[in-house]
Amino acid sequence: MQTRREVLGDAHVDRAEAAKTAFDAPFQTLITEGAWGTVWADDTISRRERSMLTLALLAATGNFEEIPMHIRATANTGASQDDVMQAFLHVAVYAGVPKANHAIKLAKQTFKEMEAGS
């Protein structure tokens, strides 16, 4: 949970925890332990690199709904806007221009919101 909070921020995690029900509690435990307690907690690669990989994989697999959350997390991971663009350029070449294009659109919107403080 510490890693999850460090990457996503307390506000995001607090909202997710407040929305948790008995139905989705097992899933929340799975992602907290598997994603945040294992993959994101490993220090073999930096959080900046892990952030770039995550964004590229989300875009390449068409899991666009998670992209804004992980764009916001770049404020905590150290991945710059240039890093994010490089990740999406890889997506364009290796997974398809339409996926990269949509991911870039989401990133631009989210970075704009971040700059406005929303």
C-alpha atoms as a PDB file:
ATOM      1  CA  MET A   1       0.000   0.000   0.000  1.00  0.00           C
ATOM      2  CA  GLN A   2       2.938   2.313   0.665  1.00  0.00           C
ATOM      3  CA  THR A   3       4.188   1.972  -2.920  1.00  0.00           C
ATOM      4  CA  ARG A   4       0.681   2.453  -4.291  1.00  0.00           C
ATOM      5  CA  ARG A   5       0.360   5.672  -2.289  1.00  0.00           C
ATOM      6  CA  GLU A   6       3.813   6.890  -3.337  1.00  0.00           C
ATOM      7  CA  VAL A   7       3.065   6.380  -7.030  1.00  0.00           C
ATOM      8  CA  LEU A   8      -0.635   7.243  -7.311  1.00  0.00           C
ATOM      9  CA  GLY A   9      -0.911   9.667  -4.397  1.00  0.00           C
ATOM     10  CA  ASP A  10      -2.936   9.560  -1.215  1.00  0.00           C
ATOM     11  CA  ALA A  11      -6.009  11.227  -2.716  1.00  0.00           C
ATOM     12  CA  HIS A  12      -6.375   8.592  -5.447  1.00  0.00           C
ATOM     13  CA  VAL A  13      -5.817   5.676  -3.083  1.00  0.00           C
ATOM     14  CA  ASP A  14      -8.155   7.156  -0.464  1.00  0.00           C
ATOM     15  CA  ARG A  15     -10.905   7.454  -3.114  1.00  0.00           C
ATOM     16  CA  ALA A  16     -10.340   3.871  -4.244  1.00  0.00           C
ATOM     17  CA  GLU A  17     -10.383   2.586  -0.685  1.00  0.00           C
ATOM     18  CA  ALA A  18     -13.551   4.539   0.130  1.00  0.00           C
ATOM     19  CA  ALA A  19     -15.276   3.074  -2.941  1.00  0.00           C
ATOM     20  CA  LYS A  20     -14.230  -0.502  -2.090  1.00  0.00           C
ATOM     21  CA  THR A  21     -17.084  -2.904  -1.358  1.00  0.00           C
ATOM     22  CA  ALA A  22     -17.246  -6.498  -0.221  1.00  0.00           C
ATOM     23  CA  PHE A  23     -17.702  -7.446  -3.871  1.00  0.00           C
ATOM     24  CA  ASP A  24     -14.485  -5.874  -5.193  1.00  0.00           C
ATOM     25  CA  ALA A  25     -12.346  -6.226  -2.055  1.00  0.00           C
ATOM     26  CA  PRO A  26     -10.631  -9.391  -3.388  1.00  0.00           C
ATOM     27  CA  PHE A  27      -9.695  -7.538  -6.585  1.00  0.00           C
ATOM     28  CA  GLN A  28      -8.385  -4.547  -4.633  1.00  0.00           C
ATOM     29  CA  THR A  29      -6.255  -6.914  -2.560  1.00  0.00           C
ATOM     30  CA  LEU A  30      -4.951  -8.575  -5.732  1.00  0.00           C
ATOM     31  CA  ILE A  31      -3.842  -5.331  -7.355  1.00  0.00           C
ATOM     32  CA  THR A  32      -2.426  -3.917  -4.133  1.00  0.00           C
ATOM     33  CA  GLU A  33      -0.345  -7.021  -3.483  1.00  0.00           C
ATOM     34  CA  GLY A  34       0.452  -8.014  -7.074  1.00  0.00           C
ATOM     35  CA  ALA A  35       0.929  -4.720  -8.856  1.00  0.00           C
ATOM     36  CA  TRP A  36       2.012  -2.446  -6.020  1.00  0.00           C
ATOM     37  CA  GLY A  37       3.544  -4.922  -3.571  1.00  0.00           C
ATOM     38  CA  THR A  38       5.487  -6.923  -6.144  1.00  0.00           C
ATOM     39  CA  VAL A  39       5.961  -5.318  -9.569  1.00  0.00           C
ATOM     40  CA  TRP A  40       6.047  -1.627  -8.602  1.00  0.00           C
ATOM     41  CA  ALA A  41       7.927  -2.322  -5.353  1.00  0.00           C
ATOM     42  CA  ASP A  42      10.823  -4.020  -7.165  1.00  0.00           C
ATOM     43  CA  ASP A  43      13.828  -1.756  -7.643  1.00  0.00           C
ATOM     44  CA  THR A  44      15.421  -3.540 -10.612  1.00  0.00           C
ATOM     45  CA  ILE A  45      14.232  -0.701 -12.835  1.00  0.00           C
ATOM     46  CA  SER A  46      13.362   2.820 -11.745  1.00  0.00           C
ATOM     47  CA  ARG A  47       9.840   4.070 -11.179  1.00  0.00           C
ATOM     48  CA  ARG A  48      10.400   6.430 -14.108  1.00  0.00           C
ATOM     49  CA  GLU A  49      11.124   3.479 -16.387  1.00  0.00           C
ATOM     50  CA  ARG A  50       8.272   1.445 -14.915  1.00  0.00           C
ATOM     51  CA  SER A  51       5.919   4.368 -15.504  1.00  0.00           C
ATOM     52  CA  MET A  52       6.950   4.564 -19.164  1.00  0.00           C
ATOM     53  CA  LEU A  53       6.529   0.808 -19.600  1.00  0.00           C
ATOM     54  CA  THR A  54       3.115   0.869 -17.964  1.00  0.00           C
ATOM     55  CA  LEU A  55       1.875   3.691 -20.170  1.00  0.00           C
ATOM     56  CA  ALA A  56       3.184   1.988 -23.309  1.00  0.00           C
ATOM     57  CA  LEU A  57       1.587  -1.319 -22.364  1.00  0.00           C
ATOM     58  CA  LEU A  58      -1.733   0.310 -21.520  1.00  0.00           C
ATOM     59  CA  ALA A  59      -1.778   2.086 -24.875  1.00  0.00           C
ATOM     60  CA  ALA A  60      -0.575  -0.934 -26.856  1.00  0.00           C
ATOM     61  CA  THR A  61      -3.256  -3.162 -25.356  1.00  0.00           C
ATOM     62  CA  GLY A  62      -5.998  -0.547 -25.705  1.00  0.00           C
ATOM     63  CA  ASN A  63      -6.556  -0.150 -21.973  1.00  0.00           C
ATOM     64  CA  PHE A  64      -7.079   3.579 -22.335  1.00  0.00           C
ATOM     65  CA  GLU A  65      -9.187   4.085 -19.208  1.00  0.00           C
ATOM     66  CA  GLU A  66      -6.070   3.610 -17.042  1.00  0.00           C
ATOM     67  CA  ILE A  67      -3.893   6.085 -18.960  1.00  0.00           C
ATOM     68  CA  PRO A  68      -5.014   9.314 -17.222  1.00  0.00           C
ATOM     69  CA  MET A  69      -4.340   7.774 -13.797  1.00  0.00           C
ATOM     70  CA  HIS A  70      -0.838   6.768 -14.846  1.00  0.00           C
ATOM     71  CA  ILE A  71      -0.202  10.126 -16.517  1.00  0.00           C
ATOM     72  CA  ARG A  72      -1.057  11.794 -13.195  1.00  0.00           C
ATOM     73  CA  ALA A  73       1.324   9.362 -11.484  1.00  0.00           C
ATOM     74  CA  THR A  74       4.220  10.700 -13.570  1.00  0.00           C
ATOM     75  CA  ALA A  75       4.330  13.622 -11.130  1.00  0.00           C
ATOM     76  CA  ASN A  76       5.505  11.039  -8.571  1.00  0.00           C
ATOM     77  CA  THR A  77       7.520   8.677 -10.771  1.00  0.00           C
ATOM     78  CA  GLY A  78       9.749  11.220 -12.473  1.00  0.00           C
ATOM     79  CA  ALA A  79       8.656  10.357 -16.002  1.00  0.00           C
ATOM     80  CA  SER A  80       8.637  13.584 -18.001  1.00  0.00           C
ATOM     81  CA  GLN A  81       6.310  14.553 -20.805  1.00  0.00           C
ATOM     82  CA  ASP A  82       9.155  13.793 -23.213  1.00  0.00           C
ATOM     83  CA  ASP A  83       9.495  10.319 -21.652  1.00  0.00           C
ATOM     84  CA  VAL A  84       5.778   9.711 -22.112  1.00  0.00           C
ATOM     85  CA  MET A  85       5.931  10.812 -25.739  1.00  0.00           C
ATOM     86  CA  GLN A  86       8.835   8.438 -26.374  1.00  0.00           C
ATOM     87  CA  ALA A  87       6.817   5.582 -24.881  1.00  0.00           C
ATOM     88  CA  PHE A  88       3.868   6.402 -27.129  1.00  0.00           C
ATOM     89  CA  LEU A  89       6.113   6.707 -30.203  1.00  0.00           C
ATOM     90  CA  HIS A  90       7.180   3.124 -29.518  1.00  0.00           C
ATOM     91  CA  VAL A  91       3.526   2.175 -29.312  1.00  0.00           C
ATOM     92  CA  ALA A  92       2.911   3.802 -32.699  1.00  0.00           C
ATOM     93  CA  VAL A  93       5.684   1.797 -34.353  1.00  0.00           C
ATOM     94  CA  TYR A  94       5.157  -1.534 -32.620  1.00  0.00           C
ATOM     95  CA  ALA A  95       1.430  -1.608 -31.803  1.00  0.00           C
ATOM     96  CA  GLY A  96      -0.251   0.855 -34.114  1.00  0.00           C
ATOM     97  CA  VAL A  97      -0.676   4.548 -34.802  1.00  0.00           C
ATOM     98  CA  PRO A  98      -4.381   4.677 -33.772  1.00  0.00           C
ATOM     99  CA  LYS A  99      -3.580   3.363 -30.296  1.00  0.00           C
ATOM    100  CA  ALA A 100      -0.706   5.801 -29.866  1.00  0.00           C
ATOM    101  CA  ASN A 101      -2.813   8.652 -31.209  1.00  0.00           C
ATOM    102  CA  HIS A 102      -5.578   8.003 -28.683  1.00  0.00           C
ATOM    103  CA  ALA A 103      -3.086   7.630 -25.826  1.00  0.00           C
ATOM    104  CA  ILE A 104      -1.435  10.932 -26.795  1.00  0.00           C
ATOM    105  CA  LYS A 105      -4.831  12.642 -26.830  1.00  0.00           C
ATOM    106  CA  LEU A 106      -5.536  11.365 -23.313  1.00  0.00           C
ATOM    107  CA  ALA A 107      -2.063  12.353 -22.119  1.00  0.00           C
ATOM    108  CA  LYS A 108      -2.368  15.891 -23.524  1.00  0.00           C
ATOM    109  CA  GLN A 109      -5.718  16.349 -21.808  1.00  0.00           C
ATOM    110  CA  THR A 110      -4.451  14.976 -18.508  1.00  0.00           C
ATOM    111  CA  PHE A 111      -1.213  17.016 -18.551  1.00  0.00           C
ATOM    112  CA  LYS A 112      -3.327  20.125 -19.248  1.00  0.00           C
ATOM    113  CA  GLU A 113      -5.559  19.313 -16.258  1.00  0.00           C
ATOM    114  CA  MET A 114      -2.476  18.748 -14.094  1.00  0.00           C
ATOM    115  CA  GLU A 115      -1.014  22.100 -15.120  1.00  0.00           C
ATOM    116  CA  ALA A 116      -4.331  23.792 -14.288  1.00  0.00           C
ATOM    117  CA  GLY A 117      -4.311  22.135 -10.875  1.00  0.00           C
ATOM    118  CA  SER A 118      -7.366  19.976 -11.409  1.00  0.00           C
END
